[in-house]
Amino acid sequence: MTTLAALLALLILAIIAAAVRLALTVRRDGHGTRVPPHADAPWADAAQNLPSRPY
């Protein structure tokens, strides 16, 4: 029974370590912390010259 408890504790510790590692990686990448760029749509000018009827 102690072997099972030790394996369970090790599994829980591994899950916690993976969650902490994921959180640190996401934070280091800047996801969720940076302001997104201004939405200047560079394609908007090109999209205005489309034909009114399909080909």
PDB file of N, CA and C in Angstrom:
ATOM      1  N   MET A   1       0.820  -1.206   0.000  1.00  0.00           N
ATOM      2  CA  MET A   1       0.000   0.000   0.000  1.00  0.00           C
ATOM      3  C   MET A   1       0.859   1.263   0.000  1.00  0.00           C
ATOM      4  N   THR A   2       2.003   1.229   0.660  1.00  0.00           N
ATOM      5  CA  THR A   2       2.858   2.411   0.668  1.00  0.00           C
ATOM      6  C   THR A   2       3.448   2.678  -0.706  1.00  0.00           C
ATOM      7  N   THR A   3       3.681   1.635  -1.481  1.00  0.00           N
ATOM      8  CA  THR A   3       4.185   1.828  -2.838  1.00  0.00           C
ATOM      9  C   THR A   3       3.142   2.534  -3.689  1.00  0.00           C
ATOM     10  N   LEU A   4       1.890   2.162  -3.511  1.00  0.00           N
ATOM     11  CA  LEU A   4       0.814   2.809  -4.254  1.00  0.00           C
ATOM     12  C   LEU A   4       0.683   4.276  -3.854  1.00  0.00           C
ATOM     13  N   ALA A   5       0.808   4.567  -2.573  1.00  0.00           N
ATOM     14  CA  ALA A   5       0.734   5.949  -2.097  1.00  0.00           C
ATOM     15  C   ALA A   5       1.911   6.764  -2.620  1.00  0.00           C
ATOM     16  N   ALA A   6       3.090   6.147  -2.674  1.00  0.00           N
ATOM     17  CA  ALA A   6       4.265   6.846  -3.189  1.00  0.00           C
ATOM     18  C   ALA A   6       4.108   7.143  -4.680  1.00  0.00           C
ATOM     19  N   LEU A   7       3.569   6.185  -5.426  1.00  0.00           N
ATOM     20  CA  LEU A   7       3.346   6.414  -6.855  1.00  0.00           C
ATOM     21  C   LEU A   7       2.299   7.490  -7.092  1.00  0.00           C
ATOM     22  N   LEU A   8       1.263   7.492  -6.276  1.00  0.00           N
ATOM     23  CA  LEU A   8       0.231   8.514  -6.397  1.00  0.00           C
ATOM     24  C   LEU A   8       0.790   9.897  -6.077  1.00  0.00           C
ATOM     25  N   ALA A   9       1.608   9.978  -5.030  1.00  0.00           N
ATOM     26  CA  ALA A   9       2.235  11.253  -4.671  1.00  0.00           C
ATOM     27  C   ALA A   9       3.168  11.720  -5.781  1.00  0.00           C
ATOM     28  N   LEU A  10       3.900  10.791  -6.373  1.00  0.00           N
ATOM     29  CA  LEU A  10       4.801  11.140  -7.475  1.00  0.00           C
ATOM     30  C   LEU A  10       4.021  11.615  -8.692  1.00  0.00           C
ATOM     31  N   LEU A  11       2.899  10.982  -8.966  1.00  0.00           N
ATOM     32  CA  LEU A  11       2.055  11.393 -10.086  1.00  0.00           C
ATOM     33  C   LEU A  11       1.489  12.793  -9.858  1.00  0.00           C
ATOM     34  N   ILE A  12       1.021  13.055  -8.659  1.00  0.00           N
ATOM     35  CA  ILE A  12       0.486  14.383  -8.337  1.00  0.00           C
ATOM     36  C   ILE A  12       1.580  15.433  -8.436  1.00  0.00           C
ATOM     37  N   LEU A  13       2.775  15.109  -7.949  1.00  0.00           N
ATOM     38  CA  LEU A  13       3.896  16.043  -8.034  1.00  0.00           C
ATOM     39  C   LEU A  13       4.266  16.321  -9.491  1.00  0.00           C
ATOM     40  N   ALA A  14       4.235  15.302 -10.337  1.00  0.00           N
ATOM     41  CA  ALA A  14       4.552  15.491 -11.756  1.00  0.00           C
ATOM     42  C   ALA A  14       3.505  16.358 -12.442  1.00  0.00           C
ATOM     43  N   ILE A  15       2.237  16.178 -12.093  1.00  0.00           N
ATOM     44  CA  ILE A  15       1.174  17.003 -12.684  1.00  0.00           C
ATOM     45  C   ILE A  15       1.326  18.452 -12.261  1.00  0.00           C
ATOM     46  N   ILE A  16       1.633  18.685 -10.989  1.00  0.00           N
ATOM     47  CA  ILE A  16       1.825  20.057 -10.504  1.00  0.00           C
ATOM     48  C   ILE A  16       3.034  20.692 -11.184  1.00  0.00           C
ATOM     49  N   ALA A  17       4.123  19.939 -11.327  1.00  0.00           N
ATOM     50  CA  ALA A  17       5.319  20.471 -11.982  1.00  0.00           C
ATOM     51  C   ALA A  17       5.038  20.813 -13.441  1.00  0.00           C
ATOM     52  N   ALA A  18       4.269  19.981 -14.130  1.00  0.00           N
ATOM     53  CA  ALA A  18       3.931  20.262 -15.528  1.00  0.00           C
ATOM     54  C   ALA A  18       3.059  21.505 -15.643  1.00  0.00           C
ATOM     55  N   ALA A  19       2.124  21.681 -14.704  1.00  0.00           N
ATOM     56  CA  ALA A  19       1.265  22.867 -14.738  1.00  0.00           C
ATOM     57  C   ALA A  19       2.074  24.133 -14.489  1.00  0.00           C
ATOM     58  N   VAL A  20       3.006  24.076 -13.548  1.00  0.00           N
ATOM     59  CA  VAL A  20       3.856  25.242 -13.272  1.00  0.00           C
ATOM     60  C   VAL A  20       4.735  25.549 -14.476  1.00  0.00           C
ATOM     61  N   ARG A  21       5.281  24.512 -15.090  1.00  0.00           N
ATOM     62  CA  ARG A  21       6.128  24.720 -16.272  1.00  0.00           C
ATOM     63  C   ARG A  21       5.341  25.340 -17.421  1.00  0.00           C
ATOM     64  N   LEU A  22       4.118  24.874 -17.634  1.00  0.00           N
ATOM     65  CA  LEU A  22       3.275  25.440 -18.684  1.00  0.00           C
ATOM     66  C   LEU A  22       2.951  26.899 -18.393  1.00  0.00           C
ATOM     67  N   ALA A  23       2.620  27.209 -17.148  1.00  0.00           N
ATOM     68  CA  ALA A  23       2.294  28.591 -16.787  1.00  0.00           C
ATOM     69  C   ALA A  23       3.495  29.506 -16.988  1.00  0.00           C
ATOM     70  N   LEU A  24       4.669  29.046 -16.613  1.00  0.00           N
ATOM     71  CA  LEU A  24       5.868  29.869 -16.795  1.00  0.00           C
ATOM     72  C   LEU A  24       6.195  30.057 -18.271  1.00  0.00           C
ATOM     73  N   THR A  25       6.016  29.029 -19.068  1.00  0.00           N
ATOM     74  CA  THR A  25       6.290  29.137 -20.505  1.00  0.00           C
ATOM     75  C   THR A  25       5.337  30.114 -21.173  1.00  0.00           C
ATOM     76  N   VAL A  26       4.066  30.028 -20.844  1.00  0.00           N
ATOM     77  CA  VAL A  26       3.081  30.931 -21.440  1.00  0.00           C
ATOM     78  C   VAL A  26       3.355  32.362 -21.011  1.00  0.00           C
ATOM     79  N   ARG A  27       3.696  32.568 -19.746  1.00  0.00           N
ATOM     80  CA  ARG A  27       3.983  33.919 -19.274  1.00  0.00           C
ATOM     81  C   ARG A  27       5.244  34.469 -19.925  1.00  0.00           C
ATOM     82  N   ARG A  28       6.252  33.625 -20.114  1.00  0.00           N
ATOM     83  CA  ARG A  28       7.495  34.082 -20.723  1.00  0.00           C
ATOM     84  C   ARG A  28       7.281  34.455 -22.183  1.00  0.00           C
ATOM     85  N   ASP A  29       6.377  33.745 -22.869  1.00  0.00           N
ATOM     86  CA  ASP A  29       6.075  34.052 -24.269  1.00  0.00           C
ATOM     87  C   ASP A  29       5.290  35.342 -24.420  1.00  0.00           C
ATOM     88  N   GLY A  30       4.709  35.844 -23.338  1.00  0.00           N
ATOM     89  CA  GLY A  30       3.980  37.098 -23.393  1.00  0.00           C
ATOM     90  C   GLY A  30       2.522  36.951 -23.737  1.00  0.00           C
ATOM     91  N   HIS A  31       2.009  35.746 -23.817  1.00  0.00           N
ATOM     92  CA  HIS A  31       0.596  35.555 -24.141  1.00  0.00           C
ATOM     93  C   HIS A  31      -0.266  36.068 -23.000  1.00  0.00           C
ATOM     94  N   GLY A  32      -1.204  36.919 -23.328  1.00  0.00           N
ATOM     95  CA  GLY A  32      -2.116  37.428 -22.320  1.00  0.00           C
ATOM     96  C   GLY A  32      -1.620  38.647 -21.588  1.00  0.00           C
ATOM     97  N   THR A  33      -0.391  39.071 -21.851  1.00  0.00           N
ATOM     98  CA  THR A  33       0.131  40.228 -21.138  1.00  0.00           C
ATOM     99  C   THR A  33       0.368  41.418 -22.057  1.00  0.00           C
ATOM    100  N   ARG A  34       0.554  41.175 -23.315  1.00  0.00           N
ATOM    101  CA  ARG A  34       0.821  42.276 -24.245  1.00  0.00           C
ATOM    102  C   ARG A  34      -0.472  42.798 -24.853  1.00  0.00           C
ATOM    103  N   VAL A  35      -0.461  44.067 -25.194  1.00  0.00           N
ATOM    104  CA  VAL A  35      -1.601  44.666 -25.886  1.00  0.00           C
ATOM    105  C   VAL A  35      -1.496  44.275 -27.357  1.00  0.00           C
ATOM    106  N   PRO A  36      -2.554  43.781 -27.960  1.00  0.00           N
ATOM    107  CA  PRO A  36      -2.468  43.398 -29.367  1.00  0.00           C
ATOM    108  C   PRO A  36      -2.226  44.612 -30.262  1.00  0.00           C
ATOM    109  N   PRO A  37      -1.646  44.413 -31.425  1.00  0.00           N
ATOM    110  CA  PRO A  37      -1.391  45.542 -32.318  1.00  0.00           C
ATOM    111  C   PRO A  37      -2.684  46.172 -32.808  1.00  0.00           C
ATOM    112  N   HIS A  38      -2.575  47.425 -33.201  1.00  0.00           N
ATOM    113  CA  HIS A  38      -3.730  48.149 -33.720  1.00  0.00           C
ATOM    114  C   HIS A  38      -4.212  47.475 -34.997  1.00  0.00           C
ATOM    115  N   ALA A  39      -5.493  47.420 -35.177  1.00  0.00           N
ATOM    116  CA  ALA A  39      -6.079  46.682 -36.297  1.00  0.00           C
ATOM    117  C   ALA A  39      -6.112  47.530 -37.562  1.00  0.00           C
ATOM    118  N   ASP A  40      -4.961  47.896 -38.069  1.00  0.00           N
ATOM    119  CA  ASP A  40      -4.891  48.513 -39.396  1.00  0.00           C
ATOM    120  C   ASP A  40      -4.928  47.373 -40.396  1.00  0.00           C
ATOM    121  N   ALA A  41      -6.010  47.250 -41.071  1.00  0.00           N
ATOM    122  CA  ALA A  41      -6.133  46.139 -42.003  1.00  0.00           C
ATOM    123  C   ALA A  41      -5.455  46.502 -43.318  1.00  0.00           C
ATOM    124  N   PRO A  42      -4.256  45.987 -43.580  1.00  0.00           N
ATOM    125  CA  PRO A  42      -3.575  46.317 -44.832  1.00  0.00           C
ATOM    126  C   PRO A  42      -4.299  45.743 -46.046  1.00  0.00           C
ATOM    127  N   TRP A  43      -5.155  44.756 -45.832  1.00  0.00           N
ATOM    128  CA  TRP A  43      -5.882  44.159 -46.948  1.00  0.00           C
ATOM    129  C   TRP A  43      -7.134  44.952 -47.292  1.00  0.00           C
ATOM    130  N   ALA A  44      -7.514  45.939 -46.466  1.00  0.00           N
ATOM    131  CA  ALA A  44      -8.763  46.666 -46.685  1.00  0.00           C
ATOM    132  C   ALA A  44      -8.719  47.454 -48.004  1.00  0.00           C
ATOM    133  N   ASP A  45      -7.582  48.061 -48.326  1.00  0.00           N
ATOM    134  CA  ASP A  45      -7.476  48.831 -49.569  1.00  0.00           C
ATOM    135  C   ASP A  45      -7.589  47.915 -50.787  1.00  0.00           C
ATOM    136  N   ALA A  46      -6.964  46.753 -50.721  1.00  0.00           N
ATOM    137  CA  ALA A  46      -7.009  45.834 -51.851  1.00  0.00           C
ATOM    138  C   ALA A  46      -8.397  45.224 -52.009  1.00  0.00           C
ATOM    139  N   ALA A  47      -9.123  45.083 -50.920  1.00  0.00           N
ATOM    140  CA  ALA A  47     -10.438  44.450 -50.987  1.00  0.00           C
ATOM    141  C   ALA A  47     -11.490  45.387 -51.564  1.00  0.00           C
ATOM    142  N   GLN A  48     -11.227  46.668 -51.657  1.00  0.00           N
ATOM    143  CA  GLN A  48     -12.224  47.603 -52.169  1.00  0.00           C
ATOM    144  C   GLN A  48     -12.313  47.564 -53.689  1.00  0.00           C
ATOM    145  N   ASN A  49     -11.317  47.044 -54.355  1.00  0.00           N
ATOM    146  CA  ASN A  49     -11.314  47.023 -55.814  1.00  0.00           C
ATOM    147  C   ASN A  49     -11.781  45.686 -56.378  1.00  0.00           C
ATOM    148  N   LEU A  50     -12.560  44.939 -55.615  1.00  0.00           N
ATOM    149  CA  LEU A  50     -13.049  43.655 -56.103  1.00  0.00           C
ATOM    150  C   LEU A  50     -14.171  43.869 -57.116  1.00  0.00           C
ATOM    151  N   PRO A  51     -14.328  42.953 -58.062  1.00  0.00           N
ATOM    152  CA  PRO A  51     -15.436  43.087 -59.020  1.00  0.00           C
ATOM    153  C   PRO A  51     -16.779  42.910 -58.315  1.00  0.00           C
ATOM    154  N   SER A  52     -17.789  43.590 -58.828  1.00  0.00           N
ATOM    155  CA  SER A  52     -19.098  43.513 -58.189  1.00  0.00           C
ATOM    156  C   SER A  52     -19.816  42.218 -58.524  1.00  0.00           C
ATOM    157  N   ARG A  53     -19.457  41.598 -59.644  1.00  0.00           N
ATOM    158  CA  ARG A  53     -20.073  40.331 -60.037  1.00  0.00           C
ATOM    159  C   ARG A  53     -19.009  39.244 -60.093  1.00  0.00           C
ATOM    160  N   PRO A  54     -19.405  37.998 -59.841  1.00  0.00           N
ATOM    161  CA  PRO A  54     -18.418  36.917 -59.956  1.00  0.00           C
ATOM    162  C   PRO A  54     -17.940  36.774 -61.397  1.00  0.00           C
ATOM    163  N   TYR A  55     -16.868  36.098 -61.588  1.00  0.00           N
ATOM    164  CA  TYR A  55     -16.288  35.944 -62.923  1.00  0.00           C
ATOM    165  C   TYR A  55     -17.181  35.175 -63.847  1.00  0.00           C
TER     166      TYR A  55
END
